[in-house]
Amino acid sequence: MTFESSIAFVFAFAVVVAIPGPGVMAVVSNAMAKGAKSGWLTVCGIIVGDFMYLSLAVFGMGFIASLMGETFYIIKIVGGIYLVYMGI
């Protein structure tokens, strides 16, 4: 992994962690029901889970891309065209 891709990964991870979602509700409900310590433990668990999920997604897709070569590039282009079609 190059330095630039590491920075991109850290940035993507920070965005995922910062976006409110169901995890925020879990933290708030645990903190209100069981106290601040439980809320902080929930935050730590969510961060570890997000990190594992993103790591597996990034490295797994990189592995698949290296195995498939040119076919993966074609699939990526077709997927992009499909997303543009769905947006229109």
PDB file of N, CA and C in Angstrom:
ATOM      1  N   MET A   1       0.842  -1.166   0.000  1.00  0.00           N
ATOM      2  CA  MET A   1       0.000   0.000   0.000  1.00  0.00           C
ATOM      3  C   MET A   1       0.892   1.235   0.000  1.00  0.00           C
ATOM      4  N   THR A   2       0.639   2.120  -0.938  1.00  0.00           N
ATOM      5  CA  THR A   2       1.439   3.327  -1.030  1.00  0.00           C
ATOM      6  C   THR A   2       0.997   4.341   0.023  1.00  0.00           C
ATOM      7  N   PHE A   3       1.810   5.369   0.185  1.00  0.00           N
ATOM      8  CA  PHE A   3       1.481   6.410   1.161  1.00  0.00           C
ATOM      9  C   PHE A   3       0.189   7.120   0.782  1.00  0.00           C
ATOM     10  N   GLU A   4       0.019   7.394  -0.514  1.00  0.00           N
ATOM     11  CA  GLU A   4      -1.190   8.090  -0.978  1.00  0.00           C
ATOM     12  C   GLU A   4      -2.442   7.253  -0.731  1.00  0.00           C
ATOM     13  N   SER A   5      -2.356   5.955  -0.991  1.00  0.00           N
ATOM     14  CA  SER A   5      -3.532   5.109  -0.758  1.00  0.00           C
ATOM     15  C   SER A   5      -3.793   4.952   0.737  1.00  0.00           C
ATOM     16  N   SER A   6      -2.750   4.996   1.548  1.00  0.00           N
ATOM     17  CA  SER A   6      -2.945   4.949   2.999  1.00  0.00           C
ATOM     18  C   SER A   6      -3.678   6.190   3.491  1.00  0.00           C
ATOM     19  N   ILE A   7      -3.304   7.341   2.963  1.00  0.00           N
ATOM     20  CA  ILE A   7      -3.985   8.582   3.328  1.00  0.00           C
ATOM     21  C   ILE A   7      -5.442   8.532   2.885  1.00  0.00           C
ATOM     22  N   ALA A   8      -5.699   8.023   1.688  1.00  0.00           N
ATOM     23  CA  ALA A   8      -7.076   7.900   1.205  1.00  0.00           C
ATOM     24  C   ALA A   8      -7.881   6.957   2.084  1.00  0.00           C
ATOM     25  N   PHE A   9      -7.267   5.862   2.526  1.00  0.00           N
ATOM     26  CA  PHE A   9      -7.954   4.911   3.394  1.00  0.00           C
ATOM     27  C   PHE A   9      -8.302   5.557   4.736  1.00  0.00           C
ATOM     28  N   VAL A  10      -7.359   6.290   5.312  1.00  0.00           N
ATOM     29  CA  VAL A  10      -7.604   6.960   6.594  1.00  0.00           C
ATOM     30  C   VAL A  10      -8.710   7.996   6.432  1.00  0.00           C
ATOM     31  N   PHE A  11      -8.696   8.739   5.330  1.00  0.00           N
ATOM     32  CA  PHE A  11      -9.741   9.726   5.082  1.00  0.00           C
ATOM     33  C   PHE A  11     -11.104   9.064   4.945  1.00  0.00           C
ATOM     34  N   ALA A  12     -11.179   7.966   4.181  1.00  0.00           N
ATOM     35  CA  ALA A  12     -12.445   7.249   4.018  1.00  0.00           C
ATOM     36  C   ALA A  12     -12.936   6.704   5.355  1.00  0.00           C
ATOM     37  N   PHE A  13     -12.016   6.186   6.156  1.00  0.00           N
ATOM     38  CA  PHE A  13     -12.390   5.666   7.467  1.00  0.00           C
ATOM     39  C   PHE A  13     -12.924   6.783   8.353  1.00  0.00           C
ATOM     40  N   ALA A  14     -12.287   7.943   8.327  1.00  0.00           N
ATOM     41  CA  ALA A  14     -12.745   9.074   9.138  1.00  0.00           C
ATOM     42  C   ALA A  14     -14.134   9.527   8.722  1.00  0.00           C
ATOM     43  N   VAL A  15     -14.412   9.516   7.427  1.00  0.00           N
ATOM     44  CA  VAL A  15     -15.740   9.911   6.943  1.00  0.00           C
ATOM     45  C   VAL A  15     -16.790   8.911   7.411  1.00  0.00           C
ATOM     46  N   VAL A  16     -16.488   7.623   7.298  1.00  0.00           N
ATOM     47  CA  VAL A  16     -17.442   6.596   7.717  1.00  0.00           C
ATOM     48  C   VAL A  16     -17.736   6.709   9.217  1.00  0.00           C
ATOM     49  N   VAL A  17     -16.711   6.963  10.001  1.00  0.00           N
ATOM     50  CA  VAL A  17     -16.903   7.073  11.445  1.00  0.00           C
ATOM     51  C   VAL A  17     -17.689   8.330  11.801  1.00  0.00           C
ATOM     52  N   ALA A  18     -17.480   9.423  11.065  1.00  0.00           N
ATOM     53  CA  ALA A  18     -18.101  10.702  11.403  1.00  0.00           C
ATOM     54  C   ALA A  18     -19.571  10.792  10.990  1.00  0.00           C
ATOM     55  N   ILE A  19     -19.994  10.000  10.013  1.00  0.00           N
ATOM     56  CA  ILE A  19     -21.370  10.084   9.531  1.00  0.00           C
ATOM     57  C   ILE A  19     -22.310   9.441  10.549  1.00  0.00           C
ATOM     58  N   PRO A  20     -23.310  10.191  11.003  1.00  0.00           N
ATOM     59  CA  PRO A  20     -24.250   9.596  11.962  1.00  0.00           C
ATOM     60  C   PRO A  20     -25.120   8.542  11.291  1.00  0.00           C
ATOM     61  N   GLY A  21     -25.424   7.525  12.034  1.00  0.00           N
ATOM     62  CA  GLY A  21     -26.251   6.442  11.524  1.00  0.00           C
ATOM     63  C   GLY A  21     -26.796   5.637  12.689  1.00  0.00           C
ATOM     64  N   PRO A  22     -27.066   4.368  12.467  1.00  0.00           N
ATOM     65  CA  PRO A  22     -27.610   3.541  13.538  1.00  0.00           C
ATOM     66  C   PRO A  22     -26.642   3.405  14.709  1.00  0.00           C
ATOM     67  N   GLY A  23     -25.354   3.531  14.442  1.00  0.00           N
ATOM     68  CA  GLY A  23     -24.367   3.447  15.521  1.00  0.00           C
ATOM     69  C   GLY A  23     -24.543   4.551  16.541  1.00  0.00           C
ATOM     70  N   VAL A  24     -24.917   5.736  16.070  1.00  0.00           N
ATOM     71  CA  VAL A  24     -25.139   6.860  16.991  1.00  0.00           C
ATOM     72  C   VAL A  24     -26.290   6.543  17.933  1.00  0.00           C
ATOM     73  N   MET A  25     -27.339   5.967  17.397  1.00  0.00           N
ATOM     74  CA  MET A  25     -28.478   5.604  18.255  1.00  0.00           C
ATOM     75  C   MET A  25     -28.075   4.542  19.270  1.00  0.00           C
ATOM     76  N   ALA A  26     -27.240   3.598  18.862  1.00  0.00           N
ATOM     77  CA  ALA A  26     -26.772   2.565  19.791  1.00  0.00           C
ATOM     78  C   ALA A  26     -25.934   3.179  20.903  1.00  0.00           C
ATOM     79  N   VAL A  27     -25.068   4.109  20.548  1.00  0.00           N
ATOM     80  CA  VAL A  27     -24.227   4.763  21.556  1.00  0.00           C
ATOM     81  C   VAL A  27     -25.086   5.560  22.532  1.00  0.00           C
ATOM     82  N   VAL A  28     -25.998   6.339  21.997  1.00  0.00           N
ATOM     83  CA  VAL A  28     -26.847   7.172  22.857  1.00  0.00           C
ATOM     84  C   VAL A  28     -27.702   6.302  23.772  1.00  0.00           C
ATOM     85  N   SER A  29     -28.305   5.254  23.228  1.00  0.00           N
ATOM     86  CA  SER A  29     -29.172   4.419  24.062  1.00  0.00           C
ATOM     87  C   SER A  29     -28.375   3.670  25.131  1.00  0.00           C
ATOM     88  N   ASN A  30     -27.181   3.171  24.768  1.00  0.00           N
ATOM     89  CA  ASN A  30     -26.351   2.501  25.777  1.00  0.00           C
ATOM     90  C   ASN A  30     -25.870   3.469  26.840  1.00  0.00           C
ATOM     91  N   ALA A  31     -25.478   4.662  26.427  1.00  0.00           N
ATOM     92  CA  ALA A  31     -24.988   5.650  27.387  1.00  0.00           C
ATOM     93  C   ALA A  31     -26.099   6.089  28.335  1.00  0.00           C
ATOM     94  N   MET A  32     -27.308   6.242  27.813  1.00  0.00           N
ATOM     95  CA  MET A  32     -28.414   6.678  28.668  1.00  0.00           C
ATOM     96  C   MET A  32     -28.879   5.561  29.591  1.00  0.00           C
ATOM     97  N   ALA A  33     -28.867   4.331  29.110  1.00  0.00           N
ATOM     98  CA  ALA A  33     -29.370   3.221  29.909  1.00  0.00           C
ATOM     99  C   ALA A  33     -28.348   2.707  30.918  1.00  0.00           C
ATOM    100  N   LYS A  34     -27.059   2.670  30.513  1.00  0.00           N
ATOM    101  CA  LYS A  34     -26.057   2.012  31.350  1.00  0.00           C
ATOM    102  C   LYS A  34     -24.918   2.912  31.799  1.00  0.00           C
ATOM    103  N   GLY A  35     -24.893   4.149  31.335  1.00  0.00           N
ATOM    104  CA  GLY A  35     -23.855   5.070  31.775  1.00  0.00           C
ATOM    105  C   GLY A  35     -22.823   5.365  30.697  1.00  0.00           C
ATOM    106  N   ALA A  36     -21.949   6.325  31.015  1.00  0.00           N
ATOM    107  CA  ALA A  36     -20.962   6.809  30.047  1.00  0.00           C
ATOM    108  C   ALA A  36     -19.946   5.734  29.672  1.00  0.00           C
ATOM    109  N   LYS A  37     -19.554   4.915  30.642  1.00  0.00           N
ATOM    110  CA  LYS A  37     -18.562   3.876  30.340  1.00  0.00           C
ATOM    111  C   LYS A  37     -19.090   2.924  29.268  1.00  0.00           C
ATOM    112  N   SER A  38     -20.326   2.544  29.375  1.00  0.00           N
ATOM    113  CA  SER A  38     -20.927   1.664  28.373  1.00  0.00           C
ATOM    114  C   SER A  38     -21.006   2.359  27.011  1.00  0.00           C
ATOM    115  N   GLY A  39     -21.283   3.649  27.020  1.00  0.00           N
ATOM    116  CA  GLY A  39     -21.318   4.415  25.776  1.00  0.00           C
ATOM    117  C   GLY A  39     -19.960   4.445  25.099  1.00  0.00           C
ATOM    118  N   TRP A  40     -18.890   4.658  25.885  1.00  0.00           N
ATOM    119  CA  TRP A  40     -17.540   4.678  25.323  1.00  0.00           C
ATOM    120  C   TRP A  40     -17.130   3.304  24.805  1.00  0.00           C
ATOM    121  N   LEU A  41     -17.540   2.256  25.491  1.00  0.00           N
ATOM    122  CA  LEU A  41     -17.237   0.908  25.006  1.00  0.00           C
ATOM    123  C   LEU A  41     -17.956   0.631  23.690  1.00  0.00           C
ATOM    124  N   THR A  42     -19.167   1.141  23.559  1.00  0.00           N
ATOM    125  CA  THR A  42     -19.904   0.984  22.315  1.00  0.00           C
ATOM    126  C   THR A  42     -19.215   1.738  21.179  1.00  0.00           C
ATOM    127  N   VAL A  43     -18.740   2.946  21.477  1.00  0.00           N
ATOM    128  CA  VAL A  43     -18.008   3.728  20.474  1.00  0.00           C
ATOM    129  C   VAL A  43     -16.772   2.957  20.007  1.00  0.00           C
ATOM    130  N   CYS A  44     -16.019   2.409  20.948  1.00  0.00           N
ATOM    131  CA  CYS A  44     -14.811   1.645  20.598  1.00  0.00           C
ATOM    132  C   CYS A  44     -15.167   0.428  19.743  1.00  0.00           C
ATOM    133  N   GLY A  45     -16.232  -0.259  20.082  1.00  0.00           N
ATOM    134  CA  GLY A  45     -16.657  -1.419  19.309  1.00  0.00           C
ATOM    135  C   GLY A  45     -17.065  -1.050  17.893  1.00  0.00           C
ATOM    136  N   ILE A  46     -17.756   0.062  17.744  1.00  0.00           N
ATOM    137  CA  ILE A  46     -18.175   0.507  16.413  1.00  0.00           C
ATOM    138  C   ILE A  46     -16.958   0.888  15.574  1.00  0.00           C
ATOM    139  N   ILE A  47     -15.983   1.569  16.175  1.00  0.00           N
ATOM    140  CA  ILE A  47     -14.778   1.966  15.443  1.00  0.00           C
ATOM    141  C   ILE A  47     -13.999   0.737  14.986  1.00  0.00           C
ATOM    142  N   VAL A  48     -13.828  -0.242  15.867  1.00  0.00           N
ATOM    143  CA  VAL A  48     -13.109  -1.464  15.500  1.00  0.00           C
ATOM    144  C   VAL A  48     -13.856  -2.207  14.391  1.00  0.00           C
ATOM    145  N   GLY A  49     -15.157  -2.299  14.501  1.00  0.00           N
ATOM    146  CA  GLY A  49     -15.951  -2.972  13.468  1.00  0.00           C
ATOM    147  C   GLY A  49     -15.867  -2.265  12.125  1.00  0.00           C
ATOM    148  N   ASP A  50     -15.965  -0.926  12.134  1.00  0.00           N
ATOM    149  CA  ASP A  50     -15.847  -0.170  10.884  1.00  0.00           C
ATOM    150  C   ASP A  50     -14.472  -0.350  10.259  1.00  0.00           C
ATOM    151  N   PHE A  51     -13.428  -0.332  11.085  1.00  0.00           N
ATOM    152  CA  PHE A  51     -12.070  -0.504  10.576  1.00  0.00           C
ATOM    153  C   PHE A  51     -11.905  -1.878   9.933  1.00  0.00           C
ATOM    154  N   MET A  52     -12.412  -2.902  10.586  1.00  0.00           N
ATOM    155  CA  MET A  52     -12.309  -4.252  10.021  1.00  0.00           C
ATOM    156  C   MET A  52     -13.096  -4.352   8.717  1.00  0.00           C
ATOM    157  N   TYR A  53     -14.292  -3.789   8.697  1.00  0.00           N
ATOM    158  CA  TYR A  53     -15.129  -3.837   7.498  1.00  0.00           C
ATOM    159  C   TYR A  53     -14.451  -3.130   6.325  1.00  0.00           C
ATOM    160  N   LEU A  54     -13.964  -1.910   6.553  1.00  0.00           N
ATOM    161  CA  LEU A  54     -13.304  -1.172   5.481  1.00  0.00           C
ATOM    162  C   LEU A  54     -12.022  -1.857   5.028  1.00  0.00           C
ATOM    163  N   SER A  55     -11.261  -2.392   5.965  1.00  0.00           N
ATOM    164  CA  SER A  55     -10.013  -3.073   5.602  1.00  0.00           C
ATOM    165  C   SER A  55     -10.292  -4.286   4.729  1.00  0.00           C
ATOM    166  N   LEU A  56     -11.262  -5.088   5.124  1.00  0.00           N
ATOM    167  CA  LEU A  56     -11.606  -6.259   4.321  1.00  0.00           C
ATOM    168  C   LEU A  56     -12.149  -5.860   2.953  1.00  0.00           C
ATOM    169  N   ALA A  57     -12.932  -4.801   2.911  1.00  0.00           N
ATOM    170  CA  ALA A  57     -13.476  -4.349   1.633  1.00  0.00           C
ATOM    171  C   ALA A  57     -12.364  -3.854   0.708  1.00  0.00           C
ATOM    172  N   VAL A  58     -11.457  -3.044   1.239  1.00  0.00           N
ATOM    173  CA  VAL A  58     -10.396  -2.473   0.401  1.00  0.00           C
ATOM    174  C   VAL A  58      -9.430  -3.549  -0.064  1.00  0.00           C
ATOM    175  N   PHE A  59      -8.930  -4.341   0.865  1.00  0.00           N
ATOM    176  CA  PHE A  59      -7.943  -5.341   0.493  1.00  0.00           C
ATOM    177  C   PHE A  59      -8.566  -6.493  -0.295  1.00  0.00           C
ATOM    178  N   GLY A  60      -9.806  -6.818   0.000  1.00  0.00           N
ATOM    179  CA  GLY A  60     -10.487  -7.867  -0.747  1.00  0.00           C
ATOM    180  C   GLY A  60     -10.718  -7.464  -2.188  1.00  0.00           C
ATOM    181  N   MET A  61     -11.162  -6.221  -2.415  1.00  0.00           N
ATOM    182  CA  MET A  61     -11.372  -5.748  -3.780  1.00  0.00           C
ATOM    183  C   MET A  61     -10.051  -5.624  -4.525  1.00  0.00           C
ATOM    184  N   GLY A  62      -8.995  -5.220  -3.820  1.00  0.00           N
ATOM    185  CA  GLY A  62      -7.687  -5.163  -4.461  1.00  0.00           C
ATOM    186  C   GLY A  62      -7.211  -6.534  -4.890  1.00  0.00           C
ATOM    187  N   PHE A  63      -7.453  -7.528  -4.064  1.00  0.00           N
ATOM    188  CA  PHE A  63      -7.072  -8.897  -4.388  1.00  0.00           C
ATOM    189  C   PHE A  63      -7.864  -9.411  -5.586  1.00  0.00           C
ATOM    190  N   ILE A  64      -9.161  -9.155  -5.572  1.00  0.00           N
ATOM    191  CA  ILE A  64     -10.001  -9.592  -6.683  1.00  0.00           C
ATOM    192  C   ILE A  64      -9.585  -8.884  -7.967  1.00  0.00           C
ATOM    193  N   ALA A  65      -9.279  -7.591  -7.869  1.00  0.00           N
ATOM    194  CA  ALA A  65      -8.857  -6.843  -9.056  1.00  0.00           C
ATOM    195  C   ALA A  65      -7.554  -7.389  -9.618  1.00  0.00           C
ATOM    196  N   SER A  66      -6.630  -7.782  -8.738  1.00  0.00           N
ATOM    197  CA  SER A  66      -5.360  -8.314  -9.228  1.00  0.00           C
ATOM    198  C   SER A  66      -5.551  -9.688  -9.881  1.00  0.00           C
ATOM    199  N   LEU A  67      -6.514 -10.457  -9.407  1.00  0.00           N
ATOM    200  CA  LEU A  67      -6.773 -11.763 -10.011  1.00  0.00           C
ATOM    201  C   LEU A  67      -7.479 -11.645 -11.357  1.00  0.00           C
ATOM    202  N   MET A  68      -8.422 -10.719 -11.449  1.00  0.00           N
ATOM    203  CA  MET A  68      -9.246 -10.636 -12.648  1.00  0.00           C
ATOM    204  C   MET A  68      -8.615  -9.790 -13.747  1.00  0.00           C
ATOM    205  N   GLY A  69      -7.705  -8.897 -13.398  1.00  0.00           N
ATOM    206  CA  GLY A  69      -7.016  -8.093 -14.402  1.00  0.00           C
ATOM    207  C   GLY A  69      -7.947  -7.214 -15.202  1.00  0.00           C
ATOM    208  N   GLU A  70      -7.916  -7.377 -16.514  1.00  0.00           N
ATOM    209  CA  GLU A  70      -8.691  -6.540 -17.428  1.00  0.00           C
ATOM    210  C   GLU A  70     -10.197  -6.736 -17.249  1.00  0.00           C
ATOM    211  N   THR A  71     -10.619  -7.914 -16.863  1.00  0.00           N
ATOM    212  CA  THR A  71     -12.046  -8.183 -16.655  1.00  0.00           C
ATOM    213  C   THR A  71     -12.610  -7.305 -15.552  1.00  0.00           C
ATOM    214  N   PHE A  72     -11.844  -7.096 -14.494  1.00  0.00           N
ATOM    215  CA  PHE A  72     -12.305  -6.247 -13.398  1.00  0.00           C
ATOM    216  C   PHE A  72     -12.491  -4.811 -13.867  1.00  0.00           C
ATOM    217  N   TYR A  73     -11.609  -4.335 -14.735  1.00  0.00           N
ATOM    218  CA  TYR A  73     -11.737  -2.990 -15.281  1.00  0.00           C
ATOM    219  C   TYR A  73     -13.038  -2.856 -16.063  1.00  0.00           C
ATOM    220  N   ILE A  74     -13.372  -3.847 -16.859  1.00  0.00           N
ATOM    221  CA  ILE A  74     -14.613  -3.826 -17.635  1.00  0.00           C
ATOM    222  C   ILE A  74     -15.821  -3.838 -16.710  1.00  0.00           C
ATOM    223  N   ILE A  75     -15.784  -4.668 -15.677  1.00  0.00           N
ATOM    224  CA  ILE A  75     -16.890  -4.718 -14.707  1.00  0.00           C
ATOM    225  C   ILE A  75     -17.044  -3.373 -14.005  1.00  0.00           C
ATOM    226  N   LYS A  76     -15.935  -2.733 -13.680  1.00  0.00           N
ATOM    227  CA  LYS A  76     -15.968  -1.430 -13.015  1.00  0.00           C
ATOM    228  C   LYS A  76     -16.611  -0.384 -13.922  1.00  0.00           C
ATOM    229  N   ILE A  77     -16.263  -0.376 -15.192  1.00  0.00           N
ATOM    230  CA  ILE A  77     -16.846   0.585 -16.144  1.00  0.00           C
ATOM    231  C   ILE A  77     -18.341   0.334 -16.314  1.00  0.00           C
ATOM    232  N   VAL A  78     -18.730  -0.926 -16.469  1.00  0.00           N
ATOM    233  CA  VAL A  78     -20.145  -1.270 -16.610  1.00  0.00           C
ATOM    234  C   VAL A  78     -20.918  -0.872 -15.353  1.00  0.00           C
ATOM    235  N   GLY A  79     -20.329  -1.086 -14.182  1.00  0.00           N
ATOM    236  CA  GLY A  79     -20.980  -0.678 -12.936  1.00  0.00           C
ATOM    237  C   GLY A  79     -21.163   0.825 -12.855  1.00  0.00           C
ATOM    238  N   GLY A  80     -20.166   1.573 -13.296  1.00  0.00           N
ATOM    239  CA  GLY A  80     -20.285   3.036 -13.318  1.00  0.00           C
ATOM    240  C   GLY A  80     -21.374   3.499 -14.256  1.00  0.00           C
ATOM    241  N   ILE A  81     -21.459   2.895 -15.433  1.00  0.00           N
ATOM    242  CA  ILE A  81     -22.508   3.230 -16.393  1.00  0.00           C
ATOM    243  C   ILE A  81     -23.881   2.928 -15.793  1.00  0.00           C
ATOM    244  N   TYR A  82     -23.996   1.802 -15.101  1.00  0.00           N
ATOM    245  CA  TYR A  82     -25.262   1.438 -14.459  1.00  0.00           C
ATOM    246  C   TYR A  82     -25.658   2.472 -13.389  1.00  0.00           C
ATOM    247  N   LEU A  83     -24.682   2.925 -12.598  1.00  0.00           N
ATOM    248  CA  LEU A  83     -24.997   3.925 -11.573  1.00  0.00           C
ATOM    249  C   LEU A  83     -25.439   5.241 -12.174  1.00  0.00           C
ATOM    250  N   VAL A  84     -24.803   5.643 -13.289  1.00  0.00           N
ATOM    251  CA  VAL A  84     -25.235   6.857 -13.970  1.00  0.00           C
ATOM    252  C   VAL A  84     -26.655   6.679 -14.507  1.00  0.00           C
ATOM    253  N   TYR A  85     -26.934   5.517 -15.090  1.00  0.00           N
ATOM    254  CA  TYR A  85     -28.286   5.214 -15.593  1.00  0.00           C
ATOM    255  C   TYR A  85     -29.310   5.291 -14.453  1.00  0.00           C
ATOM    256  N   MET A  86     -28.983   4.722 -13.303  1.00  0.00           N
ATOM    257  CA  MET A  86     -29.913   4.761 -12.169  1.00  0.00           C
ATOM    258  C   MET A  86     -30.092   6.187 -11.648  1.00  0.00           C
ATOM    259  N   GLY A  87     -29.057   7.012 -11.750  1.00  0.00           N
ATOM    260  CA  GLY A  87     -29.163   8.391 -11.318  1.00  0.00           C
ATOM    261  C   GLY A  87     -30.054   9.233 -12.233  1.00  0.00           C
ATOM    262  N   ILE A  88     -30.044   8.868 -13.491  1.00  0.00           N
ATOM    263  CA  ILE A  88     -30.879   9.616 -14.453  1.00  0.00           C
ATOM    264  C   ILE A  88     -32.319   9.178 -14.336  1.00  0.00           C
TER     265      ILE A  88
END
